[in-house]
Amino acid sequence: MLTAEENDRLTRVGPGTPMGRLMRWYWHPITASAQLVENPVRKVRLLGEDLVVYRDTQGGLGLIGDRCAHRSTGMQYGIPETDGLRCPYHGWKYDATGQCIDQPLEPPGSTFKERILLKAYPVEELGGLIWAYLGPKPIPLLPRWDQFVRENTLRHIGATVLPCNWLQCMENGGDPQHGIYLHGHFYRYVLQRLEAQGKPTAPEAWDFVNANRDGHREIRVERFEYGQRKWVNHAQAEEPPNWREHTIVCFPYLRGGQIGVPIDDTHTWHIIYMTYTPKSSDVQAPNQDVVPYFEAPFADEQGQPIFDYITAQDHMAWWSQGEITDRTEEHLGYSDRAVIAYRQLLEEQLEVVGEGGEPMNVFRDPAKNVRLDHGPANYAWAKSIEERNAEASQPRFITDTAQFSPIYDQLLDLYWKDREARPARTGRRFPSPSGRGQG
């Protein structure tokens, strides 16, 4: 367990806090590019700071304070122009640096605007997401992690805003054993209740449940260049060890295709970044002018939480701990060793920053940032569907967030084209492109 002071140190991300200072060394997603298509101006919140991101009429991006310096009108209602964002109240206009460049109601020749400056931060676009950097200068490079830059890849992004601290989401990745109960026993209980109510359940969901029945397994945690790897021994009793990689964490919080962006101390934007790259060189992923974005359902029409897909079960495990977990009351065991190791890594990097150093994964050399391959990705998200099925018998995209995607049928169609272009492999077949998992 942690002391209250240690817990605050690891969870609080606002300006001036130890974790807030560490997190500001990194680029963070603040919105999806698709979210600026219908309305090019959007209010966002990141690390406890309220901001407005906008796309000007020439396609440039800006990220500035959310209130006009004149009389505090919300800039999320501003008017994008060729060179900045104009306040709707009195027309003060700000460029991407936060500098006021026009005050149309002030006298001709006035230099008042030159003394007005909103806070502003650099933004870049990559992989269908818009990223912001709130930290010290010089500004590091936006990391070009493999899944965001890989060619011939179909991408789609699902996300949910959760009413809990970012660390609760992150520690799930250090808990490789939770699937046995949360996605096994609990999922079975959910499916049984649905069937008792006469509601349909997907056969793939039962397949997934039945694949998550094992008990205690040996766990190994190791450091690597970009963060941590977790391994689980899948050997049965008296069999030789059979270590399989479970999760990779690229510090501070990228794990597989999941990103838990700290909105503030008590809210997290949990992103599921999904990719499919055909294994056959004869199959081409469709072109995407905009990477689709969708909100993954958090509750039903009555406001009750839903549990009938995998990530929703994870969500429940996180937010039901409260806004910020009281870790003074926890009791950690052997299965939590990866959770402990991740906290130790956080503490190490906090100490580095506290002593005036640069934390890990701050990239400055463009030659080393062409495509950051962090090794075998989390099988649940970044490997091909065929590999995931063959290795884990988990048709997870049918029983999880992907089923709600606007391009779900396109994903299935691409999968079948890829499969048909390669030698047949044994194993359970996925539904045809017209099939859709039950949500």
Protein backbone atom coordinates (compact mmCIF):
# COMPACT_ATOMS: atom_id res chain seq x y z
CA MET A 1 0.00 0.00 0.00
CA LEU A 2 1.01 3.64 -0.42
CA THR A 3 0.85 6.56 1.95
CA ALA A 4 -1.59 9.33 1.13
CA GLU A 5 1.35 11.54 0.13
CA GLU A 6 2.77 8.86 -2.19
CA ASN A 7 -0.64 8.36 -3.76
CA ASP A 8 -1.03 12.09 -4.43
CA ARG A 9 2.45 12.19 -5.93
CA LEU A 10 1.58 9.49 -8.47
CA THR A 11 -1.93 10.64 -9.37
CA ARG A 12 -2.14 14.45 -9.35
CA VAL A 13 -1.32 15.93 -12.78
CA GLY A 14 -2.14 19.64 -12.50
CA PRO A 15 0.41 22.42 -13.08
CA GLY A 16 3.16 22.42 -10.48
CA THR A 17 2.57 18.90 -9.17
CA PRO A 18 5.40 16.34 -9.43
CA MET A 19 3.45 14.09 -11.81
CA GLY A 20 2.17 17.12 -13.69
CA ARG A 21 5.75 18.23 -14.32
CA LEU A 22 6.73 14.73 -15.50
CA MET A 23 3.71 14.39 -17.80
CA ARG A 24 4.41 17.75 -19.40
CA TRP A 25 7.60 16.34 -20.92
CA TYR A 26 5.43 14.27 -23.29
CA TRP A 27 3.12 14.79 -26.24
CA HIS A 28 -0.51 13.88 -25.48
CA PRO A 29 -3.53 13.31 -27.73
CA ILE A 30 -6.11 16.06 -27.17
CA THR A 31 -8.68 15.25 -29.85
CA ALA A 32 -9.13 13.15 -32.97
CA SER A 33 -8.72 14.81 -36.35
CA ALA A 34 -12.21 13.57 -37.22
CA GLN A 35 -13.66 15.59 -34.35
CA LEU A 36 -12.65 18.83 -36.07
CA VAL A 37 -14.36 18.00 -39.36
CA GLU A 38 -17.89 19.12 -38.45
CA ASN A 39 -16.73 21.93 -36.15
CA PRO A 40 -13.12 23.15 -36.52
CA VAL A 41 -13.07 24.61 -32.98
CA ARG A 42 -13.22 22.43 -29.88
CA LYS A 43 -12.72 22.94 -26.16
CA VAL A 44 -10.37 20.41 -24.58
CA ARG A 45 -8.90 19.77 -21.17
CA LEU A 46 -5.49 18.24 -20.59
CA LEU A 47 -3.48 17.82 -17.38
CA GLY A 48 -5.94 20.08 -15.59
CA GLU A 49 -5.69 22.94 -18.12
CA ASP A 50 -8.66 24.20 -20.14
CA LEU A 51 -7.76 24.96 -23.73
CA VAL A 52 -9.26 25.40 -27.19
CA VAL A 53 -7.93 23.60 -30.25
CA TYR A 54 -8.82 24.91 -33.69
CA ARG A 55 -8.09 24.40 -37.35
CA ASP A 56 -7.81 27.66 -39.30
CA THR A 57 -9.22 28.10 -42.80
CA GLN A 58 -5.84 27.19 -44.33
CA GLY A 59 -5.69 23.89 -42.44
CA GLY A 60 -3.25 24.99 -39.74
CA LEU A 61 -3.73 23.98 -36.12
CA GLY A 62 -3.63 26.06 -32.96
CA LEU A 63 -4.04 25.39 -29.25
CA ILE A 64 -4.67 28.40 -27.01
CA GLY A 65 -6.25 29.34 -23.70
CA ASP A 66 -10.00 28.85 -23.51
CA ARG A 67 -10.94 32.44 -22.53
CA CYS A 68 -10.51 35.66 -24.46
CA ALA A 69 -8.16 38.04 -22.62
CA HIS A 70 -10.65 40.89 -23.16
CA ARG A 71 -13.68 39.87 -21.08
CA SER A 72 -13.33 36.09 -20.71
CA THR A 73 -15.68 34.94 -23.45
CA GLY A 74 -15.27 31.25 -24.30
CA MET A 75 -13.00 30.85 -27.30
CA GLN A 76 -14.61 27.50 -28.15
CA TYR A 77 -17.19 29.65 -29.95
CA GLY A 78 -14.54 31.55 -31.86
CA ILE A 79 -14.40 32.07 -35.61
CA PRO A 80 -11.47 30.40 -37.40
CA GLU A 81 -9.80 32.58 -40.05
CA THR A 82 -6.74 32.22 -42.27
CA ASP A 83 -4.29 33.20 -39.56
CA GLY A 84 -5.96 32.52 -36.22
CA LEU A 85 -9.11 32.36 -34.11
CA ARG A 86 -11.35 35.39 -33.58
CA CYS A 87 -13.41 35.93 -30.42
CA PRO A 88 -17.14 36.13 -31.24
CA TYR A 89 -17.81 38.92 -28.70
CA HIS A 90 -15.64 41.86 -29.78
CA GLY A 91 -13.51 40.32 -32.50
CA TRP A 92 -10.13 40.03 -30.83
CA LYS A 93 -8.10 37.60 -32.91
CA TYR A 94 -5.28 35.33 -31.71
CA ASP A 95 -2.71 33.43 -33.72
CA ALA A 96 -1.34 29.96 -32.89
CA THR A 97 1.23 31.46 -30.51
CA GLY A 98 -1.54 33.06 -28.44
CA GLN A 99 -0.57 36.55 -29.60
CA CYS A 100 -3.47 38.93 -30.15
CA ILE A 101 -3.10 40.18 -33.72
CA ASP A 102 -6.29 42.18 -34.21
CA GLN A 103 -8.67 44.30 -32.11
CA PRO A 104 -11.13 45.72 -34.65
CA LEU A 105 -13.01 47.94 -32.16
CA GLU A 106 -9.89 49.70 -30.83
CA PRO A 107 -8.78 53.05 -32.34
CA PRO A 108 -6.71 52.94 -35.57
CA GLY A 109 -3.00 52.71 -34.85
CA SER A 110 -3.52 51.25 -31.36
CA THR A 111 -0.69 49.03 -30.17
CA PHE A 112 -2.77 47.57 -27.33
CA LYS A 113 -2.98 44.16 -29.06
CA GLU A 114 0.79 43.77 -28.94
CA ARG A 115 0.59 43.53 -25.14
CA ILE A 116 -2.05 40.76 -25.12
CA LEU A 117 -0.92 37.14 -25.10
CA LEU A 118 -2.90 34.01 -24.29
CA LYS A 119 -1.16 30.83 -23.26
CA ALA A 120 -0.59 28.58 -26.24
CA TYR A 121 1.02 25.23 -26.87
CA PRO A 122 2.41 23.46 -29.95
CA VAL A 123 0.18 20.90 -31.67
CA GLU A 124 0.85 18.29 -34.35
CA GLU A 125 -1.25 15.80 -36.24
CA LEU A 126 -0.29 12.13 -36.49
CA GLY A 127 -2.22 8.95 -37.16
CA GLY A 128 -5.63 10.58 -37.02
CA LEU A 129 -4.97 12.18 -33.63
CA ILE A 130 -4.01 15.75 -32.72
CA TRP A 131 -1.24 15.87 -30.15
CA ALA A 132 -0.20 18.68 -27.79
CA TYR A 133 2.95 19.42 -25.85
CA LEU A 134 2.61 21.43 -22.63
CA GLY A 135 6.16 21.12 -21.34
CA PRO A 136 9.50 22.90 -21.20
CA LYS A 137 11.54 23.96 -24.21
CA PRO A 138 13.23 22.90 -26.38
CA ILE A 139 10.21 21.03 -27.70
CA PRO A 140 10.95 17.32 -28.26
CA LEU A 141 9.88 15.38 -31.33
CA LEU A 142 6.42 13.83 -31.44
CA PRO A 143 7.22 10.09 -31.18
CA ARG A 144 6.37 8.21 -34.35
CA TRP A 145 5.28 4.95 -32.72
CA ASP A 146 4.75 2.12 -35.16
CA GLN A 147 0.94 1.96 -35.14
CA PHE A 148 0.60 5.65 -36.00
CA VAL A 149 2.87 5.62 -39.06
CA ARG A 150 2.74 2.04 -40.41
CA GLU A 151 1.89 1.94 -44.13
CA ASN A 152 -0.95 -0.04 -45.73
CA THR A 153 -2.95 0.03 -42.50
CA LEU A 154 -6.63 0.48 -41.74
CA ARG A 155 -7.15 2.62 -38.64
CA HIS A 156 -10.08 3.54 -36.44
CA ILE A 157 -10.28 5.12 -33.01
CA GLY A 158 -12.76 4.41 -30.22
CA ALA A 159 -12.71 6.32 -26.95
CA THR A 160 -14.53 6.89 -23.68
CA VAL A 161 -14.24 9.66 -21.07
CA LEU A 162 -14.06 7.94 -17.68
CA PRO A 163 -14.75 9.54 -14.27
CA CYS A 164 -11.53 8.34 -12.68
CA ASN A 165 -7.83 9.03 -12.40
CA TRP A 166 -5.47 8.03 -15.22
CA LEU A 167 -3.38 5.71 -13.02
CA GLN A 168 -6.33 3.40 -12.38
CA CYS A 169 -6.55 2.83 -16.13
CA MET A 170 -2.82 2.43 -16.50
CA GLU A 171 -2.40 -0.11 -13.71
CA ASN A 172 -4.77 -2.44 -15.55
CA GLY A 173 -1.98 -3.04 -18.06
CA GLY A 174 0.24 -4.24 -15.24
CA ASP A 175 -2.35 -6.77 -14.14
CA PRO A 176 -2.14 -9.68 -16.60
CA GLN A 177 -4.14 -12.01 -14.36
CA HIS A 178 -7.32 -9.93 -14.13
CA GLY A 179 -8.68 -11.39 -17.36
CA ILE A 180 -9.28 -14.74 -15.69
CA TYR A 181 -11.98 -13.27 -13.47
CA LEU A 182 -13.03 -9.96 -15.03
CA HIS A 183 -13.19 -11.25 -18.62
CA GLY A 184 -13.83 -14.86 -17.67
CA HIS A 185 -16.04 -15.42 -14.63
CA PHE A 186 -17.61 -11.95 -14.58
CA TYR A 187 -18.20 -11.99 -18.34
CA ARG A 188 -19.89 -15.40 -18.01
CA TYR A 189 -22.12 -13.98 -15.27
CA VAL A 190 -23.03 -11.03 -17.52
CA LEU A 191 -23.87 -13.32 -20.45
CA GLN A 192 -25.94 -15.62 -18.24
CA ARG A 193 -27.96 -12.66 -16.96
CA LEU A 194 -28.55 -11.41 -20.50
CA GLU A 195 -29.78 -14.81 -21.64
CA ALA A 196 -32.03 -15.08 -18.57
CA GLN A 197 -33.59 -11.79 -19.69
CA GLY A 198 -34.16 -13.17 -23.17
CA LYS A 199 -31.48 -10.96 -24.74
CA PRO A 200 -29.16 -12.29 -27.47
CA THR A 201 -25.50 -13.07 -26.79
CA ALA A 202 -22.75 -13.59 -29.36
CA PRO A 203 -21.18 -17.06 -29.67
CA GLU A 204 -17.79 -15.32 -29.92
CA ALA A 205 -18.38 -13.91 -26.43
CA TRP A 206 -18.82 -17.41 -25.06
CA ASP A 207 -15.67 -18.51 -26.90
CA PHE A 208 -13.78 -15.69 -25.23
CA VAL A 209 -15.19 -16.54 -21.79
CA ASN A 210 -14.24 -20.18 -22.13
CA ALA A 211 -10.68 -19.20 -23.09
CA ASN A 212 -10.27 -17.29 -19.80
CA ARG A 213 -10.59 -20.05 -17.19
CA ASP A 214 -7.07 -20.67 -15.95
CA GLY A 215 -5.94 -19.85 -12.44
CA HIS A 216 -2.61 -18.68 -11.05
CA ARG A 217 0.20 -18.13 -13.54
CA GLU A 218 3.80 -17.10 -13.06
CA ILE A 219 4.53 -13.47 -14.05
CA ARG A 220 7.74 -11.83 -15.20
CA VAL A 221 8.38 -8.10 -15.62
CA GLU A 222 11.35 -6.66 -17.48
CA ARG A 223 12.55 -3.28 -18.62
CA PHE A 224 13.28 -2.50 -22.24
CA GLU A 225 14.34 0.56 -24.17
CA TYR A 226 10.95 2.26 -24.16
CA GLY A 227 9.38 1.02 -20.93
CA GLN A 228 8.24 -2.32 -19.58
CA ARG A 229 7.28 -5.75 -20.87
CA LYS A 230 5.07 -8.18 -18.99
CA TRP A 231 5.27 -11.93 -19.58
CA VAL A 232 2.99 -14.74 -18.38
CA ASN A 233 3.95 -18.41 -18.13
CA HIS A 234 1.17 -20.37 -19.88
CA ALA A 235 2.61 -23.81 -19.15
CA GLN A 236 0.48 -26.26 -17.23
CA ALA A 237 1.80 -27.93 -14.09
CA GLU A 238 4.94 -30.01 -14.70
CA GLU A 239 5.30 -28.70 -18.27
CA PRO A 240 8.34 -26.73 -19.45
CA PRO A 241 7.90 -22.95 -19.13
CA ASN A 242 5.88 -21.36 -21.93
CA TRP A 243 6.39 -17.62 -21.59
CA ARG A 244 4.15 -15.38 -23.69
CA GLU A 245 4.35 -11.66 -23.86
CA HIS A 246 1.24 -10.08 -22.36
CA THR A 247 1.59 -6.31 -22.47
CA ILE A 248 4.11 -3.69 -23.50
CA VAL A 249 4.11 -0.25 -21.89
CA CYS A 250 5.82 2.56 -23.77
CA PHE A 251 6.34 5.15 -21.07
CA PRO A 252 4.46 7.04 -19.84
CA TYR A 253 1.16 5.38 -20.79
CA LEU A 254 0.99 3.89 -24.29
CA ARG A 255 0.24 0.17 -24.04
CA GLY A 256 -0.60 -1.69 -27.20
CA GLY A 257 -3.32 0.42 -28.74
CA GLN A 258 -4.59 1.85 -25.47
CA ILE A 259 -3.86 5.36 -24.24
CA GLY A 260 -5.22 6.72 -20.96
CA VAL A 261 -4.89 10.49 -21.40
CA PRO A 262 -5.06 12.41 -18.07
CA ILE A 263 -7.73 15.06 -18.60
CA ASP A 264 -7.33 16.10 -14.97
CA ASP A 265 -7.02 14.35 -11.61
CA THR A 266 -10.43 12.68 -11.81
CA HIS A 267 -11.11 12.19 -15.55
CA THR A 268 -9.37 10.11 -18.21
CA TRP A 269 -9.84 10.03 -21.97
CA HIS A 270 -9.36 6.33 -22.64
CA ILE A 271 -8.46 5.72 -26.29
CA ILE A 272 -8.54 2.39 -28.09
CA TYR A 273 -6.39 2.91 -31.18
CA MET A 274 -7.13 0.02 -33.53
CA THR A 275 -5.18 -0.99 -36.62
CA TYR A 276 -5.29 -3.75 -39.18
CA THR A 277 -2.31 -4.26 -41.50
CA PRO A 278 -2.76 -7.02 -44.11
CA LYS A 279 -0.11 -9.71 -43.92
CA SER A 280 -0.44 -10.45 -47.62
CA SER A 281 1.46 -8.03 -49.85
CA ASP A 282 -1.30 -8.51 -52.46
CA VAL A 283 -3.95 -6.90 -50.25
CA GLN A 284 -4.20 -3.14 -49.90
CA ALA A 285 -5.93 -1.37 -47.04
CA PRO A 286 -8.41 1.27 -48.26
CA ASN A 287 -7.28 4.89 -48.32
CA GLN A 288 -8.50 6.99 -45.40
CA ASP A 289 -8.74 10.75 -45.80
CA VAL A 290 -9.83 10.91 -42.15
CA VAL A 291 -9.32 8.19 -39.54
CA PRO A 292 -12.80 7.37 -38.18
CA TYR A 293 -13.47 8.25 -34.55
CA PHE A 294 -16.35 7.02 -32.41
CA GLU A 295 -17.40 7.08 -28.78
CA ALA A 296 -17.48 3.63 -27.19
CA PRO A 297 -20.66 3.22 -25.12
CA PHE A 298 -20.26 3.70 -21.41
CA ALA A 299 -23.86 3.29 -20.26
CA ASP A 300 -27.24 2.31 -21.65
CA GLU A 301 -30.17 4.65 -22.39
CA GLN A 302 -31.19 4.53 -18.72
CA GLY A 303 -27.72 5.60 -17.63
CA GLN A 304 -26.81 2.17 -16.29
CA PRO A 305 -23.26 0.95 -16.99
CA ILE A 306 -22.95 -1.78 -19.60
CA PHE A 307 -20.64 -4.77 -19.24
CA ASP A 308 -21.27 -6.89 -22.34
CA TYR A 309 -18.02 -6.10 -24.10
CA ILE A 310 -14.49 -6.51 -22.84
CA THR A 311 -13.22 -2.97 -22.46
CA ALA A 312 -16.44 -1.90 -20.73
CA GLN A 313 -15.60 -4.48 -18.07
CA ASP A 314 -12.16 -2.91 -17.67
CA HIS A 315 -13.81 0.50 -17.42
CA MET A 316 -16.00 -0.70 -14.56
CA ALA A 317 -12.99 -2.08 -12.71
CA TRP A 318 -11.32 1.33 -12.95
CA TRP A 319 -14.08 3.85 -12.26
CA SER A 320 -15.71 1.77 -9.53
CA GLN A 321 -12.56 2.32 -7.45
CA GLY A 322 -13.64 5.95 -7.06
CA GLU A 323 -12.35 9.13 -8.65
CA ILE A 324 -8.88 8.50 -7.21
CA THR A 325 -8.14 5.10 -5.70
CA ASP A 326 -7.31 5.23 -2.01
CA ARG A 327 -4.13 3.19 -2.20
CA THR A 328 -3.61 3.47 1.56
CA GLU A 329 -6.29 0.75 1.80
CA GLU A 330 -4.97 -1.68 -0.82
CA HIS A 331 -3.34 -5.06 -0.20
CA LEU A 332 -1.11 -6.15 -3.07
CA GLY A 333 -0.09 -9.75 -3.73
CA TYR A 334 2.16 -11.73 -6.08
CA SER A 335 -0.11 -11.11 -9.06
CA ASP A 336 0.39 -7.36 -8.58
CA ARG A 337 4.14 -7.40 -9.11
CA ALA A 338 3.84 -5.66 -12.50
CA VAL A 339 1.69 -2.94 -10.90
CA ILE A 340 4.40 -2.40 -8.32
CA ALA A 341 7.11 -2.36 -11.01
CA TYR A 342 5.26 0.32 -13.00
CA ARG A 343 4.91 2.51 -9.90
CA GLN A 344 8.64 2.10 -9.32
CA LEU A 345 9.30 3.22 -12.89
CA LEU A 346 7.10 6.27 -12.34
CA GLU A 347 8.99 7.12 -9.16
CA GLU A 348 12.32 6.77 -10.94
CA GLN A 349 11.29 9.15 -13.69
CA LEU A 350 9.79 11.59 -11.17
CA GLU A 351 13.17 11.63 -9.45
CA VAL A 352 14.97 12.25 -12.75
CA VAL A 353 12.80 15.27 -13.48
CA GLY A 354 13.03 16.46 -9.88
CA GLU A 355 16.82 16.52 -10.20
CA GLY A 356 16.64 18.57 -13.40
CA GLY A 357 17.10 15.73 -15.89
CA GLU A 358 15.18 14.55 -18.93
CA PRO A 359 12.91 11.51 -18.46
CA MET A 360 12.90 8.51 -20.77
CA ASN A 361 11.22 8.55 -24.20
CA VAL A 362 11.94 12.20 -24.90
CA PHE A 363 13.07 12.05 -28.52
CA ARG A 364 15.29 14.67 -30.17
CA ASP A 365 17.06 12.95 -33.08
CA PRO A 366 14.88 12.85 -36.24
CA ALA A 367 16.96 9.98 -37.63
CA LYS A 368 15.88 7.81 -34.69
CA ASN A 369 12.24 8.87 -34.90
CA VAL A 370 11.27 7.65 -38.37
CA ARG A 371 9.28 4.69 -37.04
CA LEU A 372 9.61 3.55 -33.44
CA ASP A 373 9.13 -0.20 -33.48
CA HIS A 374 8.54 -1.25 -29.91
CA GLY A 375 8.52 -4.96 -30.63
CA PRO A 376 5.55 -7.35 -30.66
CA ALA A 377 2.56 -5.23 -29.76
CA ASN A 378 -0.25 -6.21 -27.44
CA TYR A 379 -1.94 -9.04 -29.31
CA ALA A 380 -5.34 -7.67 -28.41
CA TRP A 381 -4.96 -4.63 -30.60
CA ALA A 382 -1.98 -4.27 -32.87
CA LYS A 383 -1.28 -7.73 -34.25
CA SER A 384 -3.28 -8.96 -37.19
CA ILE A 385 -6.62 -10.58 -36.48
CA GLU A 386 -5.32 -13.87 -37.87
CA GLU A 387 -2.37 -13.91 -35.47
CA ARG A 388 -4.54 -13.03 -32.50
CA ASN A 389 -6.95 -15.84 -33.29
CA ALA A 390 -4.21 -18.40 -33.89
CA GLU A 391 -2.26 -17.50 -30.76
CA ALA A 392 -4.96 -16.79 -28.24
CA SER A 393 -8.26 -18.05 -29.70
CA GLN A 394 -9.65 -14.61 -28.93
CA PRO A 395 -11.75 -13.03 -31.69
CA ARG A 396 -11.60 -9.90 -29.61
CA PHE A 397 -12.56 -7.37 -32.23
CA ILE A 398 -16.04 -8.96 -32.35
CA THR A 399 -16.53 -8.94 -28.59
CA ASP A 400 -14.97 -5.56 -27.91
CA THR A 401 -14.83 -1.90 -28.90
CA ALA A 402 -14.34 -2.50 -32.63
CA GLN A 403 -17.91 -3.81 -33.01
CA PHE A 404 -19.20 -0.24 -32.56
CA SER A 405 -16.91 1.22 -35.20
CA PRO A 406 -18.45 2.92 -38.25
CA ILE A 407 -16.04 0.87 -40.39
CA TYR A 408 -16.62 -2.48 -38.69
CA ASP A 409 -17.89 -4.12 -41.90
CA GLN A 410 -14.97 -2.62 -43.83
CA LEU A 411 -12.60 -4.14 -41.28
CA LEU A 412 -14.18 -7.57 -41.69
CA ASP A 413 -14.06 -7.26 -45.46
CA LEU A 414 -10.35 -6.44 -45.34
CA TYR A 415 -9.72 -9.36 -43.01
CA TRP A 416 -11.39 -11.82 -45.36
CA LYS A 417 -9.53 -10.49 -48.37
CA ASP A 418 -6.27 -10.86 -46.47
CA ARG A 419 -7.11 -14.35 -45.27
CA GLU A 420 -8.13 -15.54 -48.73
CA ALA A 421 -4.87 -14.23 -50.18
CA ARG A 422 -2.85 -16.45 -47.82
CA PRO A 423 -2.70 -20.20 -47.24
CA ALA A 424 -5.60 -21.47 -45.15
CA ARG A 425 -5.01 -21.84 -41.43
CA THR A 426 -6.98 -23.93 -39.01
CA GLY A 427 -9.01 -22.44 -36.22
CA ARG A 428 -12.40 -20.91 -35.60
CA ARG A 429 -13.71 -18.79 -38.46
CA PHE A 430 -14.84 -15.22 -37.98
CA PRO A 431 -18.26 -14.18 -39.22
CA SER A 432 -18.69 -13.11 -42.82
CA PRO A 433 -18.48 -9.38 -43.58
CA SER A 434 -22.23 -9.07 -43.03
CA GLY A 435 -22.00 -10.45 -39.49
CA ARG A 436 -21.79 -8.14 -36.48
CA GLY A 437 -21.18 -8.91 -32.84
CA GLN A 438 -23.93 -8.14 -30.36
CA GLY A 439 -23.38 -4.82 -28.57
